Amino acid sequence: MRDFIRLMAVALLAGAAFCAGAGADEARPQIVLRESAVSSGDAIMLADVADLGDGVPAEARRLVLGNAPWPGHLREVSRVLVKVKLVRAGFELSRFEFAGSDACLVEPATVRIEPEEIVAAARRHLEAHFAGGGAQVRIEPLHSVAAVLVPAGDGPVELRPALSSAGLPAGSVRVDVDVVRGAARLQRVSVIFSVQLFDQAAVASRAIGPGQAFTHDNVAFVEKDVAAVGGSCVRSWADLEGKVALGPVRPGQVLTQRVIADPEAPVVIRQNQQVFLVVEMGAVKAVAVGKSLSRARRGEVARARNVSTGREVAGIAVDGATIQVFVEGASDGQ
């Protein structure tokens, strides 16, 4: 009988111990650290990196373990760091059971923008500057562009391209593409293009000397990259009619507005030449003999000395023998 009572007591004690152990396990919710996790905010919270039991308090779930990494980077959160943060927040470690990985690698939640999207947005912006037609445009990127990672967030991500400089976008052109969400710029990517503008341009087919007229014999119109030419290219015969070369033009040179000029009027009065000095005042016309003091082209101001009076007069060179004297000058010279 005593043996039976002793066995029953041992059984009851064992059962009590089992119940006490079960109660202790239920009172210690698990914190199971994951091997990897994604953080969607600016900070890493305990709930981001661990699977938490039902008994983990809300304050512990929201416990901040550190700043979230930048897009494209990782941050390691160790089990030791979790325990340190819990203790600093006033939690007793004995309240929890820790399991899982020794460390969790955290990456940020990101939006990936492919290089093709960035280049396409920049190209469309460039092409819009030539929507009016005209020259044939050839646009080619000069370098590759890397994919862009930006933090995930509320609202869509937009690409807003803009030219880096004013003026005609030709030659080597940079387009800055801003990655924005709402009013915030998240990142800027620069895309460099080669922009060629092919159009008909006047080219010297042979050497042209200073003052020589442009003709079909010495000028031809061919397709050229006009963007690569310094200055405004001549693109029609109308721009060359009545024009002469301002200086020497070599064969194959593209003609621009800087190398063409109006022909100079011929020299009609030469120095020390005998001339007629003509003065007209209403119906009265007087003529005197004079001697030119300098050469002058037709239409230019010429000066001469009245042979009779020795006075200098000024007027306009009319032809090879006549100076139309200014009235003011005539009053002194006659």
Foldseek 3Di string as FASTA:
>chain_A
DVVVVVVVVVVVVVVVVVVVVVVLVVQAKEWAFEQEFEAQDQFDASLGGTDTGPPDDPCNRRQTLGTADFAPDKDKDFPVSSVVSCVVVPHDPSRYHYHHDRIYIYHYAKDKAAQVNQVVVQVVVLVVVCVVPDFDKDKDWPDGDHIDIFRDDPADKDWDKDWPDDDRQAAWTKIKIFTDGDPDTGDIDIIIMHMFTWAWFKFFQAKFAALGADDPVGIDIDIDRQRVDPAATDHDCVVRVQKGFRGIHHGGDTDHPVGIDHHDADWQEAAQDKAWEWEDDPPDIDIAIWGWHHIDGAQDKTWTAGPVQRAIFIAGDHGNHYGHTDPVRVVVRD
